Amino acid sequence: SVQSGGSLRLSCAVSGYMDSGNCMAWF
């Protein structure tokens, strides 16, 4: 939770045969 105007950084840890070098996205 953050106030309007604030910042957050989301992280996505990838495991298995995929890795972060493939095409990735946030929805």
mmCIF file of all heavy atoms, coordinates in Angstrom:
data_MODEL
# 
_entry.id   MODEL 
# 
loop_
_atom_site.group_PDB 
_atom_site.id 
_atom_site.type_symbol 
_atom_site.label_atom_id 
_atom_site.label_alt_id 
_atom_site.label_comp_id 
_atom_site.label_asym_id 
_atom_site.label_entity_id 
_atom_site.label_seq_id 
_atom_site.pdbx_PDB_ins_code 
_atom_site.Cartn_x 
_atom_site.Cartn_y 
_atom_site.Cartn_z 
_atom_site.occupancy 
_atom_site.B_iso_or_equiv 
_atom_site.pdbx_formal_charge 
_atom_site.auth_seq_id 
_atom_site.auth_comp_id 
_atom_site.auth_asym_id 
_atom_site.auth_atom_id 
_atom_site.pdbx_PDB_model_num 
ATOM 1   N N   . SER A 1 1  ? 0.835  -1.187  0.000   1.00 0.00 ? 1  SER A N   1 
ATOM 2   C CA  . SER A 1 1  ? 0.000  0.000   0.000   1.00 0.00 ? 1  SER A CA  1 
ATOM 3   C C   . SER A 1 1  ? 0.874  1.243   0.000   1.00 0.00 ? 1  SER A C   1 
ATOM 4   O O   . SER A 1 1  ? 1.851  1.323   0.754   1.00 0.00 ? 1  SER A O   1 
ATOM 5   C CB  . SER A 1 1  ? -0.921 -0.005  1.222   1.00 0.00 ? 1  SER A CB  1 
ATOM 6   O OG  . SER A 1 1  ? -1.771 1.118   1.217   1.00 0.00 ? 1  SER A OG  1 
ATOM 7   N N   . VAL A 1 2  ? 0.527  2.198   -0.842  1.00 0.00 ? 2  VAL A N   1 
ATOM 8   C CA  . VAL A 1 2  ? 1.316  3.409   -0.962  1.00 0.00 ? 2  VAL A CA  1 
ATOM 9   C C   . VAL A 1 2  ? 0.398  4.592   -1.238  1.00 0.00 ? 2  VAL A C   1 
ATOM 10  O O   . VAL A 1 2  ? -0.690 4.434   -1.788  1.00 0.00 ? 2  VAL A O   1 
ATOM 11  C CB  . VAL A 1 2  ? 2.370  3.258   -2.089  1.00 0.00 ? 2  VAL A CB  1 
ATOM 12  C CG1 . VAL A 1 2  ? 1.691  3.133   -3.452  1.00 0.00 ? 2  VAL A CG1 1 
ATOM 13  C CG2 . VAL A 1 2  ? 3.358  4.400   -2.077  1.00 0.00 ? 2  VAL A CG2 1 
ATOM 14  N N   . GLN A 1 3  ? 0.832  5.767   -0.846  1.00 0.00 ? 3  GLN A N   1 
ATOM 15  C CA  . GLN A 1 3  ? 0.086  6.980   -1.115  1.00 0.00 ? 3  GLN A CA  1 
ATOM 16  C C   . GLN A 1 3  ? 0.260  7.411   -2.567  1.00 0.00 ? 3  GLN A C   1 
ATOM 17  O O   . GLN A 1 3  ? 1.261  7.099   -3.209  1.00 0.00 ? 3  GLN A O   1 
ATOM 18  C CB  . GLN A 1 3  ? 0.555  8.111   -0.203  1.00 0.00 ? 3  GLN A CB  1 
ATOM 19  C CG  . GLN A 1 3  ? 0.224  7.915   1.259   1.00 0.00 ? 3  GLN A CG  1 
ATOM 20  C CD  . GLN A 1 3  ? -0.989 8.714   1.676   1.00 0.00 ? 3  GLN A CD  1 
ATOM 21  O OE1 . GLN A 1 3  ? -0.910 9.937   1.805   1.00 0.00 ? 3  GLN A OE1 1 
ATOM 22  N NE2 . GLN A 1 3  ? -2.104 8.042   1.873   1.00 0.00 ? 3  GLN A NE2 1 
ATOM 23  N N   . SER A 1 4  ? -0.722 8.121   -3.075  1.00 0.00 ? 4  SER A N   1 
ATOM 24  C CA  . SER A 1 4  ? -0.623 8.667   -4.417  1.00 0.00 ? 4  SER A CA  1 
ATOM 25  C C   . SER A 1 4  ? 0.661  9.480   -4.565  1.00 0.00 ? 4  SER A C   1 
ATOM 26  O O   . SER A 1 4  ? 1.000  10.279  -3.698  1.00 0.00 ? 4  SER A O   1 
ATOM 27  C CB  . SER A 1 4  ? -1.838 9.548   -4.710  1.00 0.00 ? 4  SER A CB  1 
ATOM 28  O OG  . SER A 1 4  ? -1.784 10.075  -6.023  1.00 0.00 ? 4  SER A OG  1 
ATOM 29  N N   . GLY A 1 5  ? 1.367  9.241   -5.658  1.00 0.00 ? 5  GLY A N   1 
ATOM 30  C CA  . GLY A 1 5  ? 2.638  9.901   -5.890  1.00 0.00 ? 5  GLY A CA  1 
ATOM 31  C C   . GLY A 1 5  ? 3.838  9.113   -5.416  1.00 0.00 ? 5  GLY A C   1 
ATOM 32  O O   . GLY A 1 5  ? 4.980  9.473   -5.726  1.00 0.00 ? 5  GLY A O   1 
ATOM 33  N N   . GLY A 1 6  ? 3.598  8.042   -4.695  1.00 0.00 ? 6  GLY A N   1 
ATOM 34  C CA  . GLY A 1 6  ? 4.669  7.223   -4.180  1.00 0.00 ? 6  GLY A CA  1 
ATOM 35  C C   . GLY A 1 6  ? 5.191  6.237   -5.203  1.00 0.00 ? 6  GLY A C   1 
ATOM 36  O O   . GLY A 1 6  ? 4.756  6.202   -6.354  1.00 0.00 ? 6  GLY A O   1 
ATOM 37  N N   . SER A 1 7  ? 6.126  5.396   -4.764  1.00 0.00 ? 7  SER A N   1 
ATOM 38  C CA  . SER A 1 7  ? 6.775  4.436   -5.646  1.00 0.00 ? 7  SER A CA  1 
ATOM 39  C C   . SER A 1 7  ? 6.817  3.050   -5.029  1.00 0.00 ? 7  SER A C   1 
ATOM 40  O O   . SER A 1 7  ? 6.839  2.895   -3.805  1.00 0.00 ? 7  SER A O   1 
ATOM 41  C CB  . SER A 1 7  ? 8.212  4.874   -5.954  1.00 0.00 ? 7  SER A CB  1 
ATOM 42  O OG  . SER A 1 7  ? 8.254  6.121   -6.623  1.00 0.00 ? 7  SER A OG  1 
ATOM 43  N N   . LEU A 1 8  ? 6.836  2.053   -5.890  1.00 0.00 ? 8  LEU A N   1 
ATOM 44  C CA  . LEU A 1 8  ? 7.019  0.662   -5.497  1.00 0.00 ? 8  LEU A CA  1 
ATOM 45  C C   . LEU A 1 8  ? 7.837  -0.033  -6.567  1.00 0.00 ? 8  LEU A C   1 
ATOM 46  O O   . LEU A 1 8  ? 7.790  0.356   -7.740  1.00 0.00 ? 8  LEU A O   1 
ATOM 47  C CB  . LEU A 1 8  ? 5.686  -0.068  -5.344  1.00 0.00 ? 8  LEU A CB  1 
ATOM 48  C CG  . LEU A 1 8  ? 4.823  0.217   -4.123  1.00 0.00 ? 8  LEU A CG  1 
ATOM 49  C CD1 . LEU A 1 8  ? 3.471  -0.482  -4.284  1.00 0.00 ? 8  LEU A CD1 1 
ATOM 50  C CD2 . LEU A 1 8  ? 5.512  -0.249  -2.849  1.00 0.00 ? 8  LEU A CD2 1 
ATOM 51  N N   . ARG A 1 9  ? 8.564  -1.062  -6.180  1.00 0.00 ? 9  ARG A N   1 
ATOM 52  C CA  . ARG A 1 9  ? 9.256  -1.902  -7.141  1.00 0.00 ? 9  ARG A CA  1 
ATOM 53  C C   . ARG A 1 9  ? 8.802  -3.338  -6.955  1.00 0.00 ? 9  ARG A C   1 
ATOM 54  O O   . ARG A 1 9  ? 8.997  -3.925  -5.892  1.00 0.00 ? 9  ARG A O   1 
ATOM 55  C CB  . ARG A 1 9  ? 10.773 -1.821  -6.994  1.00 0.00 ? 9  ARG A CB  1 
ATOM 56  C CG  . ARG A 1 9  ? 11.503 -2.557  -8.134  1.00 0.00 ? 9  ARG A CG  1 
ATOM 57  C CD  . ARG A 1 9  ? 13.009 -2.490  -8.036  1.00 0.00 ? 9  ARG A CD  1 
ATOM 58  N NE  . ARG A 1 9  ? 13.537 -3.341  -6.987  1.00 0.00 ? 9  ARG A NE  1 
ATOM 59  C CZ  . ARG A 1 9  ? 14.795 -3.776  -6.940  1.00 0.00 ? 9  ARG A CZ  1 
ATOM 60  N NH1 . ARG A 1 9  ? 15.655 -3.421  -7.896  1.00 0.00 ? 9  ARG A NH1 1 
ATOM 61  N NH2 . ARG A 1 9  ? 15.195 -4.528  -5.932  1.00 0.00 ? 9  ARG A NH2 1 
ATOM 62  N N   . LEU A 1 10 ? 8.210  -3.888  -7.991  1.00 0.00 ? 10 LEU A N   1 
ATOM 63  C CA  . LEU A 1 10 ? 7.781  -5.270  -7.980  1.00 0.00 ? 10 LEU A CA  1 
ATOM 64  C C   . LEU A 1 10 ? 8.877  -6.159  -8.532  1.00 0.00 ? 10 LEU A C   1 
ATOM 65  O O   . LEU A 1 10 ? 9.617  -5.763  -9.434  1.00 0.00 ? 10 LEU A O   1 
ATOM 66  C CB  . LEU A 1 10 ? 6.515  -5.455  -8.817  1.00 0.00 ? 10 LEU A CB  1 
ATOM 67  C CG  . LEU A 1 10 ? 5.324  -4.557  -8.489  1.00 0.00 ? 10 LEU A CG  1 
ATOM 68  C CD1 . LEU A 1 10 ? 4.136  -4.942  -9.362  1.00 0.00 ? 10 LEU A CD1 1 
ATOM 69  C CD2 . LEU A 1 10 ? 4.970  -4.638  -7.014  1.00 0.00 ? 10 LEU A CD2 1 
ATOM 70  N N   . SER A 1 11 ? 8.973  -7.355  -7.995  1.00 0.00 ? 11 SER A N   1 
ATOM 71  C CA  . SER A 1 11 ? 9.953  -8.325  -8.455  1.00 0.00 ? 11 SER A CA  1 
ATOM 72  C C   . SER A 1 11 ? 9.251  -9.604  -8.874  1.00 0.00 ? 11 SER A C   1 
ATOM 73  O O   . SER A 1 11 ? 8.232  -9.977  -8.301  1.00 0.00 ? 11 SER A O   1 
ATOM 74  C CB  . SER A 1 11 ? 10.968 -8.644  -7.354  1.00 0.00 ? 11 SER A CB  1 
ATOM 75  O OG  . SER A 1 11 ? 11.693 -7.499  -6.972  1.00 0.00 ? 11 SER A OG  1 
ATOM 76  N N   . CYS A 1 12 ? 9.802  -10.270 -9.864  1.00 0.00 ? 12 CYS A N   1 
ATOM 77  C CA  . CYS A 1 12 ? 9.294  -11.550 -10.325 1.00 0.00 ? 12 CYS A CA  1 
ATOM 78  C C   . CYS A 1 12 ? 10.461 -12.513 -10.425 1.00 0.00 ? 12 CYS A C   1 
ATOM 79  O O   . CYS A 1 12 ? 11.339 -12.348 -11.273 1.00 0.00 ? 12 CYS A O   1 
ATOM 80  C CB  . CYS A 1 12 ? 8.604  -11.397 -11.679 1.00 0.00 ? 12 CYS A CB  1 
ATOM 81  S SG  . CYS A 1 12 ? 8.074  -12.952 -12.430 1.00 0.00 ? 12 CYS A SG  1 
ATOM 82  N N   . ALA A 1 13 ? 10.475 -13.496 -9.559  1.00 0.00 ? 13 ALA A N   1 
ATOM 83  C CA  . ALA A 1 13 ? 11.511 -14.519 -9.578  1.00 0.00 ? 13 ALA A CA  1 
ATOM 84  C C   . ALA A 1 13 ? 11.084 -15.646 -10.506 1.00 0.00 ? 13 ALA A C   1 
ATOM 85  O O   . ALA A 1 13 ? 9.998  -16.195 -10.358 1.00 0.00 ? 13 ALA A O   1 
ATOM 86  C CB  . ALA A 1 13 ? 11.750 -15.048 -8.172  1.00 0.00 ? 13 ALA A CB  1 
ATOM 87  N N   . VAL A 1 14 ? 11.945 -15.977 -11.454 1.00 0.00 ? 14 VAL A N   1 
ATOM 88  C CA  . VAL A 1 14 ? 11.640 -16.970 -12.475 1.00 0.00 ? 14 VAL A CA  1 
ATOM 89  C C   . VAL A 1 14 ? 12.450 -18.230 -12.228 1.00 0.00 ? 14 VAL A C   1 
ATOM 90  O O   . VAL A 1 14 ? 13.661 -18.171 -12.016 1.00 0.00 ? 14 VAL A O   1 
ATOM 91  C CB  . VAL A 1 14 ? 11.945 -16.430 -13.884 1.00 0.00 ? 14 VAL A CB  1 
ATOM 92  C CG1 . VAL A 1 14 ? 11.529 -17.439 -14.946 1.00 0.00 ? 14 VAL A CG1 1 
ATOM 93  C CG2 . VAL A 1 14 ? 11.259 -15.095 -14.104 1.00 0.00 ? 14 VAL A CG2 1 
ATOM 94  N N   . SER A 1 15 ? 11.796 -19.378 -12.261 1.00 0.00 ? 15 SER A N   1 
ATOM 95  C CA  . SER A 1 15 ? 12.489 -20.645 -12.102 1.00 0.00 ? 15 SER A CA  1 
ATOM 96  C C   . SER A 1 15 ? 11.899 -21.679 -13.044 1.00 0.00 ? 15 SER A C   1 
ATOM 97  O O   . SER A 1 15 ? 10.857 -21.466 -13.650 1.00 0.00 ? 15 SER A O   1 
ATOM 98  C CB  . SER A 1 15 ? 12.418 -21.138 -10.658 1.00 0.00 ? 15 SER A CB  1 
ATOM 99  O OG  . SER A 1 15 ? 11.078 -21.373 -10.264 1.00 0.00 ? 15 SER A OG  1 
ATOM 100 N N   . GLY A 1 16 ? 12.580 -22.815 -13.167 1.00 0.00 ? 16 GLY A N   1 
ATOM 101 C CA  . GLY A 1 16 ? 12.177 -23.833 -14.118 1.00 0.00 ? 16 GLY A CA  1 
ATOM 102 C C   . GLY A 1 16 ? 12.965 -23.678 -15.406 1.00 0.00 ? 16 GLY A C   1 
ATOM 103 O O   . GLY A 1 16 ? 14.050 -23.094 -15.408 1.00 0.00 ? 16 GLY A O   1 
ATOM 104 N N   . TYR A 1 17 ? 12.412 -24.189 -16.501 1.00 0.00 ? 17 TYR A N   1 
ATOM 105 C CA  . TYR A 1 17 ? 13.146 -24.105 -17.757 1.00 0.00 ? 17 TYR A CA  1 
ATOM 106 C C   . TYR A 1 17 ? 13.065 -22.732 -18.412 1.00 0.00 ? 17 TYR A C   1 
ATOM 107 O O   . TYR A 1 17 ? 13.801 -22.458 -19.359 1.00 0.00 ? 17 TYR A O   1 
ATOM 108 C CB  . TYR A 1 17 ? 12.683 -25.193 -18.728 1.00 0.00 ? 17 TYR A CB  1 
ATOM 109 C CG  . TYR A 1 17 ? 11.234 -25.124 -19.154 1.00 0.00 ? 17 TYR A CG  1 
ATOM 110 C CD1 . TYR A 1 17 ? 10.841 -24.283 -20.183 1.00 0.00 ? 17 TYR A CD1 1 
ATOM 111 C CD2 . TYR A 1 17 ? 10.274 -25.922 -18.540 1.00 0.00 ? 17 TYR A CD2 1 
ATOM 112 C CE1 . TYR A 1 17 ? 9.521  -24.225 -20.582 1.00 0.00 ? 17 TYR A CE1 1 
ATOM 113 C CE2 . TYR A 1 17 ? 8.953  -25.880 -18.939 1.00 0.00 ? 17 TYR A CE2 1 
ATOM 114 C CZ  . TYR A 1 17 ? 8.586  -25.023 -19.966 1.00 0.00 ? 17 TYR A CZ  1 
ATOM 115 O OH  . TYR A 1 17 ? 7.268  -24.982 -20.364 1.00 0.00 ? 17 TYR A OH  1 
ATOM 116 N N   . MET A 1 18 ? 12.191 -21.890 -17.932 1.00 0.00 ? 18 MET A N   1 
ATOM 117 C CA  . MET A 1 18 ? 12.155 -20.503 -18.378 1.00 0.00 ? 18 MET A CA  1 
ATOM 118 C C   . MET A 1 18 ? 13.143 -19.692 -17.564 1.00 0.00 ? 18 MET A C   1 
ATOM 119 O O   . MET A 1 18 ? 13.518 -20.070 -16.457 1.00 0.00 ? 18 MET A O   1 
ATOM 120 C CB  . MET A 1 18 ? 10.754 -19.919 -18.217 1.00 0.00 ? 18 MET A CB  1 
ATOM 121 C CG  . MET A 1 18 ? 9.717  -20.519 -19.133 1.00 0.00 ? 18 MET A CG  1 
ATOM 122 S SD  . MET A 1 18 ? 9.948  -20.047 -20.867 1.00 0.00 ? 18 MET A SD  1 
ATOM 123 C CE  . MET A 1 18 ? 9.603  -18.282 -20.789 1.00 0.00 ? 18 MET A CE  1 
ATOM 124 N N   . ASP A 1 19 ? 13.546 -18.568 -18.104 1.00 0.00 ? 19 ASP A N   1 
ATOM 125 C CA  . ASP A 1 19 ? 14.369 -17.638 -17.367 1.00 0.00 ? 19 ASP A CA  1 
ATOM 126 C C   . ASP A 1 19 ? 14.004 -16.223 -17.779 1.00 0.00 ? 19 ASP A C   1 
ATOM 127 O O   . ASP A 1 19 ? 13.255 -16.007 -18.720 1.00 0.00 ? 19 ASP A O   1 
ATOM 128 C CB  . ASP A 1 19 ? 15.868 -17.917 -17.571 1.00 0.00 ? 19 ASP A CB  1 
ATOM 129 C CG  . ASP A 1 19 ? 16.304 -17.807 -19.012 1.00 0.00 ? 19 ASP A CG  1 
ATOM 130 O OD1 . ASP A 1 19 ? 16.248 -16.689 -19.572 1.00 0.00 ? 19 ASP A OD1 1 
ATOM 131 O OD2 . ASP A 1 19 ? 16.715 -18.822 -19.595 1.00 0.00 ? 19 ASP A OD2 1 
ATOM 132 N N   . SER A 1 20 ? 14.530 -15.260 -17.055 1.00 0.00 ? 20 SER A N   1 
ATOM 133 C CA  . SER A 1 20 ? 14.155 -13.874 -17.295 1.00 0.00 ? 20 SER A CA  1 
ATOM 134 C C   . SER A 1 20 ? 14.684 -13.330 -18.613 1.00 0.00 ? 20 SER A C   1 
ATOM 135 O O   . SER A 1 20 ? 14.340 -12.219 -19.003 1.00 0.00 ? 20 SER A O   1 
ATOM 136 C CB  . SER A 1 20 ? 14.643 -12.993 -16.138 1.00 0.00 ? 20 SER A CB  1 
ATOM 137 O OG  . SER A 1 20 ? 16.060 -12.996 -16.064 1.00 0.00 ? 20 SER A OG  1 
ATOM 138 N N   . GLY A 1 21 ? 15.521 -14.093 -19.306 1.00 0.00 ? 21 GLY A N   1 
ATOM 139 C CA  . GLY A 1 21 ? 15.997 -13.685 -20.614 1.00 0.00 ? 21 GLY A CA  1 
ATOM 140 C C   . GLY A 1 21 ? 14.980 -13.909 -21.721 1.00 0.00 ? 21 GLY A C   1 
ATOM 141 O O   . GLY A 1 21 ? 15.165 -13.430 -22.840 1.00 0.00 ? 21 GLY A O   1 
ATOM 142 N N   . ASN A 1 22 ? 13.926 -14.635 -21.437 1.00 0.00 ? 22 ASN A N   1 
ATOM 143 C CA  . ASN A 1 22 ? 12.831 -14.798 -22.378 1.00 0.00 ? 22 ASN A CA  1 
ATOM 144 C C   . ASN A 1 22 ? 11.941 -13.565 -22.357 1.00 0.00 ? 22 ASN A C   1 
ATOM 145 O O   . ASN A 1 22 ? 12.183 -12.616 -21.605 1.00 0.00 ? 22 ASN A O   1 
ATOM 146 C CB  . ASN A 1 22 ? 12.034 -16.052 -22.048 1.00 0.00 ? 22 ASN A CB  1 
ATOM 147 C CG  . ASN A 1 22 ? 12.770 -17.317 -22.419 1.00 0.00 ? 22 ASN A CG  1 
ATOM 148 O OD1 . ASN A 1 22 ? 12.849 -17.672 -23.595 1.00 0.00 ? 22 ASN A OD1 1 
ATOM 149 N ND2 . ASN A 1 22 ? 13.314 -18.006 -21.422 1.00 0.00 ? 22 ASN A ND2 1 
ATOM 150 N N   . CYS A 1 23 ? 10.913 -13.565 -23.182 1.00 0.00 ? 23 CYS A N   1 
ATOM 151 C CA  . CYS A 1 23 ? 9.986  -12.444 -23.179 1.00 0.00 ? 23 CYS A CA  1 
ATOM 152 C C   . CYS A 1 23 ? 9.158  -12.461 -21.896 1.00 0.00 ? 23 CYS A C   1 
ATOM 153 O O   . CYS A 1 23 ? 8.546  -13.468 -21.551 1.00 0.00 ? 23 CYS A O   1 
ATOM 154 C CB  . CYS A 1 23 ? 9.074  -12.494 -24.394 1.00 0.00 ? 23 CYS A CB  1 
ATOM 155 S SG  . CYS A 1 23 ? 9.909  -12.089 -25.941 1.00 0.00 ? 23 CYS A SG  1 
ATOM 156 N N   . MET A 1 24 ? 9.154  -11.337 -21.212 1.00 0.00 ? 24 MET A N   1 
ATOM 157 C CA  . MET A 1 24 ? 8.478  -11.217 -19.938 1.00 0.00 ? 24 MET A CA  1 
ATOM 158 C C   . MET A 1 24 ? 7.551  -10.015 -19.964 1.00 0.00 ? 24 MET A C   1 
ATOM 159 O O   . MET A 1 24 ? 7.737  -9.084  -20.748 1.00 0.00 ? 24 MET A O   1 
ATOM 160 C CB  . MET A 1 24 ? 9.483  -11.052 -18.798 1.00 0.00 ? 24 MET A CB  1 
ATOM 161 C CG  . MET A 1 24 ? 10.565 -12.119 -18.737 1.00 0.00 ? 24 MET A CG  1 
ATOM 162 S SD  . MET A 1 24 ? 9.910  -13.756 -18.301 1.00 0.00 ? 24 MET A SD  1 
ATOM 163 C CE  . MET A 1 24 ? 9.245  -13.424 -16.671 1.00 0.00 ? 24 MET A CE  1 
ATOM 164 N N   . ALA A 1 25 ? 6.576  -10.029 -19.078 1.00 0.00 ? 25 ALA A N   1 
ATOM 165 C CA  . ALA A 1 25 ? 5.642  -8.912  -19.025 1.00 0.00 ? 25 ALA A CA  1 
ATOM 166 C C   . ALA A 1 25 ? 5.006  -8.809  -17.652 1.00 0.00 ? 25 ALA A C   1 
ATOM 167 O O   . ALA A 1 25 ? 5.024  -9.757  -16.866 1.00 0.00 ? 25 ALA A O   1 
ATOM 168 C CB  . ALA A 1 25 ? 4.565  -9.064  -20.093 1.00 0.00 ? 25 ALA A CB  1 
ATOM 169 N N   . TRP A 1 26 ? 4.446  -7.656  -17.407 1.00 0.00 ? 26 TRP A N   1 
ATOM 170 C CA  . TRP A 1 26 ? 3.623  -7.425  -16.233 1.00 0.00 ? 26 TRP A CA  1 
ATOM 171 C C   . TRP A 1 26 ? 2.216  -7.065  -16.679 1.00 0.00 ? 26 TRP A C   1 
ATOM 172 O O   . TRP A 1 26 ? 2.041  -6.227  -17.571 1.00 0.00 ? 26 TRP A O   1 
ATOM 173 C CB  . TRP A 1 26 ? 4.179  -6.294  -15.367 1.00 0.00 ? 26 TRP A CB  1 
ATOM 174 C CG  . TRP A 1 26 ? 5.417  -6.652  -14.616 1.00 0.00 ? 26 TRP A CG  1 
ATOM 175 C CD1 . TRP A 1 26 ? 6.698  -6.449  -15.009 1.00 0.00 ? 26 TRP A CD1 1 
ATOM 176 C CD2 . TRP A 1 26 ? 5.475  -7.271  -13.333 1.00 0.00 ? 26 TRP A CD2 1 
ATOM 177 N NE1 . TRP A 1 26 ? 7.568  -6.903  -14.055 1.00 0.00 ? 26 TRP A NE1 1 
ATOM 178 C CE2 . TRP A 1 26 ? 6.836  -7.418  -13.009 1.00 0.00 ? 26 TRP A CE2 1 
ATOM 179 C CE3 . TRP A 1 26 ? 4.516  -7.720  -12.422 1.00 0.00 ? 26 TRP A CE3 1 
ATOM 180 C CZ2 . TRP A 1 26 ? 7.270  -7.990  -11.814 1.00 0.00 ? 26 TRP A CZ2 1 
ATOM 181 C CZ3 . TRP A 1 26 ? 4.937  -8.291  -11.238 1.00 0.00 ? 26 TRP A CZ3 1 
ATOM 182 C CH2 . TRP A 1 26 ? 6.297  -8.424  -10.946 1.00 0.00 ? 26 TRP A CH2 1 
ATOM 183 N N   . PHE A 1 27 ? 1.248  -7.696  -16.062 1.00 0.00 ? 27 PHE A N   1 
ATOM 184 C CA  . PHE A 1 27 ? -0.155 -7.394  -16.277 1.00 0.00 ? 27 PHE A CA  1 
ATOM 185 C C   . PHE A 1 27 ? -0.774 -6.979  -14.955 1.00 0.00 ? 27 PHE A C   1 
ATOM 186 O O   . PHE A 1 27 ? -0.205 -7.205  -13.889 1.00 0.00 ? 27 PHE A O   1 
ATOM 187 C CB  . PHE A 1 27 ? -0.896 -8.619  -16.827 1.00 0.00 ? 27 PHE A CB  1 
ATOM 188 C CG  . PHE A 1 27 ? -0.572 -8.940  -18.262 1.00 0.00 ? 27 PHE A CG  1 
ATOM 189 C CD1 . PHE A 1 27 ? 0.646  -9.496  -18.617 1.00 0.00 ? 27 PHE A CD1 1 
ATOM 190 C CD2 . PHE A 1 27 ? -1.497 -8.692  -19.265 1.00 0.00 ? 27 PHE A CD2 1 
ATOM 191 C CE1 . PHE A 1 27 ? 0.940  -9.786  -19.933 1.00 0.00 ? 27 PHE A CE1 1 
ATOM 192 C CE2 . PHE A 1 27 ? -1.213 -8.989  -20.591 1.00 0.00 ? 27 PHE A CE2 1 
ATOM 193 C CZ  . PHE A 1 27 ? 0.006  -9.532  -20.920 1.00 0.00 ? 27 PHE A CZ  1 
# 
